[in-house]
Protein backbone atom coordinates (compact mmCIF):
# COMPACT_ATOMS: atom_id res chain seq x y z
CA MET A 1 111.12 114.92 105.33
CA LYS A 2 110.65 114.48 101.31
CA ILE A 3 109.69 111.27 100.13
CA ALA A 4 109.05 110.24 96.77
CA VAL A 5 106.32 107.90 95.33
CA LEU A 6 107.98 106.29 91.95
CA SER A 7 104.62 106.09 90.07
CA ARG A 8 102.79 106.06 86.75
CA ASN A 9 99.97 106.42 87.50
CA PRO A 10 99.55 109.43 90.20
CA LYS A 11 95.14 108.46 89.76
CA LEU A 12 95.82 104.40 91.67
CA TYR A 13 94.37 104.31 94.84
CA SER A 14 98.08 103.05 96.04
CA THR A 15 99.65 106.83 94.82
CA ARG A 16 96.94 108.22 95.64
CA ARG A 17 96.83 106.81 99.62
CA LEU A 18 99.90 107.10 100.22
CA VAL A 19 100.38 110.48 99.11
CA GLU A 20 97.26 110.69 101.10
CA ALA A 21 99.20 109.18 104.87
CA GLY A 22 102.75 110.67 104.16
CA GLN A 23 100.85 114.42 103.91
CA ALA A 24 98.59 114.14 106.75
CA ARG A 25 102.07 112.93 108.99
CA GLY A 26 104.00 116.19 107.95
CA HIS A 27 105.83 114.55 104.83
CA GLU A 28 106.20 116.10 101.68
CA VAL A 29 105.07 113.64 98.92
CA ASP A 30 105.83 113.86 95.02
CA VAL A 31 104.25 110.73 92.90
CA ILE A 32 107.75 110.36 89.66
CA ASP A 33 106.62 109.04 86.77
CA THR A 34 109.30 106.04 86.94
CA LEU A 35 109.70 105.74 82.65
CA HIS A 36 110.22 109.50 82.07
CA CYS A 37 113.07 109.84 84.50
CA TYR A 38 116.51 109.59 83.07
CA MET A 39 120.08 109.13 84.65
CA ASP A 40 122.70 110.89 84.67
CA ILE A 41 125.60 108.47 85.55
CA THR A 42 128.42 110.68 86.73
CA SER A 43 131.52 109.58 89.17
CA ASN A 44 130.91 111.08 92.78
CA ASN A 45 127.55 112.78 91.21
CA PRO A 46 124.98 110.60 90.34
CA ALA A 47 121.70 112.18 88.76
CA VAL A 48 118.11 111.23 88.51
CA ARG A 49 116.57 114.40 85.59
CA PHE A 50 112.82 114.46 84.65
CA LYS A 51 110.94 116.53 82.95
CA GLY A 52 114.20 118.93 82.02
CA GLU A 53 115.50 118.97 85.44
CA PRO A 54 117.56 117.11 88.10
CA LEU A 55 115.07 116.32 90.92
CA PRO A 56 115.93 117.22 94.46
CA LYS A 57 117.96 114.72 96.89
CA TYR A 58 115.28 113.03 98.64
CA ASP A 59 114.86 111.05 101.73
CA ALA A 60 113.32 107.98 101.06
CA ILE A 61 111.60 106.80 98.34
CA ILE A 62 108.66 104.37 98.07
CA PRO A 63 109.14 102.39 94.65
CA ARG A 64 105.53 101.00 92.74
CA ILE A 65 107.54 99.86 89.52
CA GLY A 66 104.38 97.56 87.70
CA ALA A 67 106.13 94.15 86.11
CA SER A 68 106.46 95.97 83.14
CA VAL A 69 108.85 97.59 83.18
CA THR A 70 111.15 95.67 86.32
CA PHE A 71 114.58 96.52 84.65
CA TYR A 72 114.46 100.04 83.80
CA GLY A 73 112.35 100.83 87.63
CA THR A 74 115.64 99.01 89.09
CA SER A 75 117.85 101.03 87.56
CA VAL A 76 115.75 104.59 88.70
CA VAL A 77 115.23 102.77 91.82
CA ARG A 78 119.27 102.19 91.58
CA GLN A 79 120.29 105.37 91.16
CA PHE A 80 118.61 106.76 93.80
CA GLU A 81 119.94 104.27 96.41
CA MET A 82 123.51 105.71 94.82
CA MET A 83 122.48 109.02 95.16
CA GLY A 84 121.91 108.76 99.31
CA SER A 85 118.26 108.05 99.12
CA PHE A 86 116.50 105.77 102.06
CA SER A 87 114.01 102.72 99.24
CA VAL A 88 111.71 101.35 100.96
CA ASN A 89 112.33 98.09 99.10
CA GLU A 90 116.03 98.22 97.88
CA SER A 91 116.11 97.53 93.65
CA VAL A 92 118.39 93.83 94.28
CA ALA A 93 115.72 92.59 96.20
CA ILE A 94 112.64 93.61 93.06
CA SER A 95 114.55 92.53 90.67
CA ARG A 96 114.35 89.32 92.80
CA SER A 97 111.09 88.80 94.33
CA ARG A 98 110.18 89.51 90.09
CA ASP A 99 112.26 86.61 89.19
CA LYS A 100 109.21 83.57 89.76
CA LEU A 101 111.81 80.64 89.35
CA ARG A 102 114.62 82.42 91.35
CA SER A 103 112.46 84.08 94.40
CA MET A 104 110.54 79.93 95.13
CA GLN A 105 115.20 78.75 95.12
CA LEU A 106 115.50 81.78 97.56
CA LEU A 107 112.31 80.80 99.39
CA SER A 108 113.71 76.94 99.32
CA ARG A 109 116.92 77.83 100.61
CA LYS A 110 115.42 79.57 103.87
CA GLY A 111 113.41 75.78 104.50
CA ILE A 112 110.18 77.70 103.72
CA GLY A 113 106.93 75.80 103.15
CA LEU A 114 106.16 75.81 98.99
CA PRO A 115 104.29 73.15 97.22
CA ARG A 116 106.41 71.21 94.81
CA THR A 117 107.28 72.99 91.64
CA GLY A 118 109.27 71.38 89.04
CA PHE A 119 111.22 73.83 86.25
CA ALA A 120 112.57 72.27 83.16
CA HIS A 121 114.21 73.15 79.58
CA SER A 122 113.26 70.08 77.70
CA PRO A 123 109.97 68.44 76.33
CA ASP A 124 111.70 65.46 76.87
CA ASN A 125 111.80 66.29 80.67
CA ILE A 126 108.13 66.53 80.85
CA LYS A 127 105.86 63.24 82.16
CA ASP A 128 108.67 62.92 84.77
CA LEU A 129 108.44 66.53 85.71
CA ILE A 130 104.87 65.96 86.23
CA LYS A 131 104.72 63.35 87.52
CA ASN A 132 107.87 64.59 90.90
CA VAL A 133 104.90 67.00 92.14
CA GLY A 134 102.68 64.97 92.42
CA GLY A 135 100.82 64.32 89.32
CA ALA A 136 98.05 65.91 88.02
CA PRO A 137 95.77 67.97 88.47
CA VAL A 138 99.57 70.69 87.99
CA VAL A 139 98.85 74.27 88.31
CA ILE A 140 101.24 75.69 85.17
CA LYS A 141 102.72 79.16 85.56
CA LEU A 142 104.49 81.59 82.51
CA LEU A 143 107.28 83.23 84.58
CA GLU A 144 106.55 87.08 83.62
CA GLY A 145 102.93 86.21 84.33
CA THR A 146 101.25 88.86 86.44
CA GLN A 147 97.51 88.82 88.34
CA GLY A 148 96.73 85.09 87.86
CA ILE A 149 97.41 86.43 84.20
CA GLY A 150 99.34 83.13 82.36
CA VAL A 151 98.33 80.68 85.81
CA VAL A 152 96.29 77.52 83.95
CA LEU A 153 95.36 74.38 86.37
CA ALA A 154 95.91 70.87 84.02
CA GLU A 155 93.14 68.42 85.54
CA THR A 156 94.83 65.44 84.23
CA ASN A 157 98.30 64.80 83.19
CA LYS A 158 97.13 64.60 79.37
CA THR A 159 95.89 67.88 79.09
CA ALA A 160 99.38 68.81 81.37
CA GLU A 161 101.68 67.20 78.48
CA SER A 162 100.33 69.49 76.10
CA ILE A 163 99.62 72.58 77.80
CA ILE A 164 103.57 73.10 78.68
CA GLU A 165 104.15 71.43 75.37
CA ALA A 166 102.67 74.14 73.54
CA PHE A 167 104.17 76.54 76.26
CA MET A 168 107.45 75.21 75.27
CA GLY A 169 106.65 75.52 71.43
CA VAL A 170 106.68 79.37 71.92
CA LYS A 171 110.10 79.79 74.27
CA ALA A 172 107.95 80.85 76.93
CA ASN A 173 109.54 80.50 80.62
CA ILE A 174 107.11 77.96 82.46
CA LEU A 175 106.53 75.86 86.17
CA VAL A 176 104.46 73.11 87.29
CA GLN A 177 103.71 73.10 90.57
CA GLU A 178 101.00 71.31 92.46
CA PHE A 179 97.79 70.97 93.07
CA ILE A 180 96.70 72.60 96.38
CA LYS A 181 93.68 71.26 96.69
CA GLU A 182 92.54 72.07 100.29
CA ALA A 183 93.23 76.00 100.13
CA ASP A 184 89.64 75.46 98.31
CA GLY A 185 90.92 79.08 95.14
CA ALA A 186 91.37 80.20 98.42
CA ASP A 187 94.57 82.21 98.96
CA ILE A 188 95.93 84.70 101.82
CA ARG A 189 97.21 88.38 101.42
CA CYS A 190 100.35 88.87 104.12
CA PHE A 191 101.01 92.67 103.99
CA VAL A 192 104.04 92.55 105.25
CA VAL A 193 105.74 96.53 107.33
CA GLY A 194 109.03 95.89 108.42
CA ASP A 195 109.46 93.08 110.54
CA LYS A 196 105.40 92.25 111.31
CA VAL A 197 102.16 91.57 109.41
CA VAL A 198 100.05 94.40 109.88
CA ALA A 199 97.30 93.00 108.29
CA ALA A 200 95.99 90.22 105.77
CA MET A 201 92.61 88.65 104.44
CA LYS A 202 91.13 85.58 102.65
CA ARG A 203 90.84 86.24 98.70
CA GLN A 204 88.66 84.22 97.75
CA GLY A 205 88.51 82.99 93.71
CA GLN A 206 84.96 83.65 92.11
CA GLU A 207 82.90 79.63 91.81
CA GLY A 208 84.64 77.84 89.44
CA GLU A 209 87.69 79.14 89.69
CA PHE A 210 90.93 78.73 91.48
CA ARG A 211 92.80 82.01 90.88
CA SER A 212 91.92 84.33 94.05
CA ASN A 213 93.17 87.60 92.18
CA LEU A 214 91.10 90.66 92.62
CA HIS A 215 91.10 91.45 89.66
CA ARG A 216 89.97 88.41 88.59
CA GLY A 217 86.65 88.65 90.35
CA GLY A 218 87.97 87.21 94.08
CA THR A 219 86.33 87.90 96.84
CA ALA A 220 87.80 89.19 99.73
CA GLN A 221 87.62 89.30 103.62
CA LEU A 222 89.15 89.94 107.39
CA ILE A 223 90.82 86.87 108.24
CA ARG A 224 92.93 85.92 111.64
CA LEU A 225 96.37 84.22 111.07
CA THR A 226 97.59 81.53 112.59
CA ARG A 227 101.25 81.62 114.16
CA ASP A 228 103.19 79.69 111.49
CA GLU A 229 101.57 81.77 108.85
CA ARG A 230 102.48 85.22 110.24
CA ALA A 231 105.57 83.33 110.85
CA THR A 232 106.44 81.90 107.25
CA ALA A 233 105.30 85.90 105.71
CA VAL A 234 108.06 87.45 107.89
CA ALA A 235 110.85 85.17 106.83
CA ALA A 236 109.12 85.27 103.26
CA ALA A 237 109.91 88.74 102.82
CA LYS A 238 113.01 88.55 104.91
CA ALA A 239 114.85 85.75 102.58
CA MET A 240 113.44 88.65 99.77
CA GLY A 241 115.41 91.41 101.09
CA LEU A 242 112.05 93.34 100.72
CA ASN A 243 110.96 96.09 104.05
CA VAL A 244 107.06 97.10 102.10
CA CYS A 245 105.49 93.36 100.83
CA GLY A 246 102.82 91.15 100.29
CA VAL A 247 103.18 87.53 100.68
CA ASP A 248 100.34 84.70 99.31
CA LEU A 249 99.68 82.15 101.00
CA LEU A 250 97.49 78.95 101.00
CA ARG A 251 96.76 76.97 103.45
CA SER A 252 97.59 72.77 102.61
CA ASN A 253 97.60 69.54 104.19
CA ARG A 254 101.20 70.72 106.00
CA GLY A 255 101.16 74.10 106.88
CA PRO A 256 100.80 77.42 104.97
CA VAL A 257 102.92 77.26 101.40
CA VAL A 258 104.19 80.50 100.10
CA MET A 259 102.96 81.53 96.61
CA GLU A 260 104.62 84.57 95.77
CA VAL A 261 106.55 87.19 97.50
CA ASN A 262 105.36 90.57 96.00
CA SER A 263 106.93 93.92 96.19
CA SER A 264 104.47 96.55 94.90
CA PRO A 265 101.36 95.25 96.28
CA GLY A 266 98.50 96.73 96.00
CA LEU A 267 96.57 98.99 98.77
CA GLU A 268 92.62 99.19 97.46
CA GLY A 269 91.79 95.26 98.85
CA ILE A 270 93.74 94.76 101.78
CA GLU A 271 92.70 98.39 103.63
CA VAL A 272 89.35 97.70 102.59
CA ALA A 273 89.13 94.62 103.78
CA THR A 274 90.94 94.70 106.88
CA ASP A 275 89.74 98.81 108.47
CA LYS A 276 93.10 99.40 108.09
CA ASP A 277 95.31 101.67 107.61
CA VAL A 278 98.45 100.40 105.81
CA ALA A 279 99.90 103.87 104.19
CA GLY A 280 99.83 104.74 107.54
CA LEU A 281 102.38 101.92 108.32
CA ILE A 282 104.16 101.97 105.87
CA PHE A 283 105.45 105.63 106.67
CA GLU A 284 105.48 105.22 110.11
CA PHE A 285 107.71 102.98 108.66
CA ILE A 286 110.11 105.51 106.92
CA GLU A 287 109.93 107.76 110.16
CA ASN A 288 112.16 104.82 112.38
CA LYS A 289 114.30 104.34 109.77
CA ALA A 290 115.22 107.36 109.48
CA ASN A 291 115.71 108.24 112.50
CA LEU A 292 117.72 104.72 113.44
CA ALA A 293 120.29 105.86 111.00
CA SER A 294 120.21 109.80 112.47
CA THR A 295 120.70 107.86 115.17
CA ARG A 296 123.66 106.11 113.85
CA THR A 297 125.11 108.90 111.97
CA LYS A 298 125.41 111.36 115.49
CA GLY A 299 127.07 108.30 116.93
CA LYS A 300 130.02 108.31 114.30
CA GLY A 301 130.77 112.12 114.90
């Protein structure tokens, strides 16, 4: 098959592994910089152009859309979808997962475990907002933050009020969440492909750091999931409409709670920690989907 990886940097580990894995399985794999694409939005003949030339028809695309280019990146993904390419993650699902508030509301509607979460607009709601999530310590998150940036732990109610007022003063949108103390600075990254968790790792934050992101110096190790954790991760991915994603869980006293669903999860940490060919499993999923589509088309004839 002819497959495109939409990535801004062909040298990134995740991009390189996807190219290697696809080529190893006999596919033709191109890396295309999303921001260098431009779209010909024509009735009945949509096209994507790149460096002055129309791109060929791809059987499938693998979007690796960075958070900072979500709007334009998902527009490009949508254009490929209009051209008939199978997208590993559809544009609407990527957009849905990038909106932290919308994500939490969708997960809540499906009954998926979450930390108690509050969202407010006006400063006069701050004290009640903190109270409703259980009081300090609380975690305050910028809706637009990634990789642990814009996430603050407030140890007291007064500190929480000051931080929230400061964020609101600069018109920043924030979430306030209960602090899951029993997680002890660790979370679990579940890598979901299709309808199952194909790999999982425990990420532990540095001493004195409640954020466990590997970009912030956290460490990763292989972990065995419980049945509830697997079911929660798969349900979260399904709620977002994502075929390939990273679901971040915390182990709380009331069971697994979802912190985030990432539509472009990195491959390096999970492959190194688990020694699994996750990139290859993504291509296996694409192949199965493509064969299913081909079978359905033949059946209609």
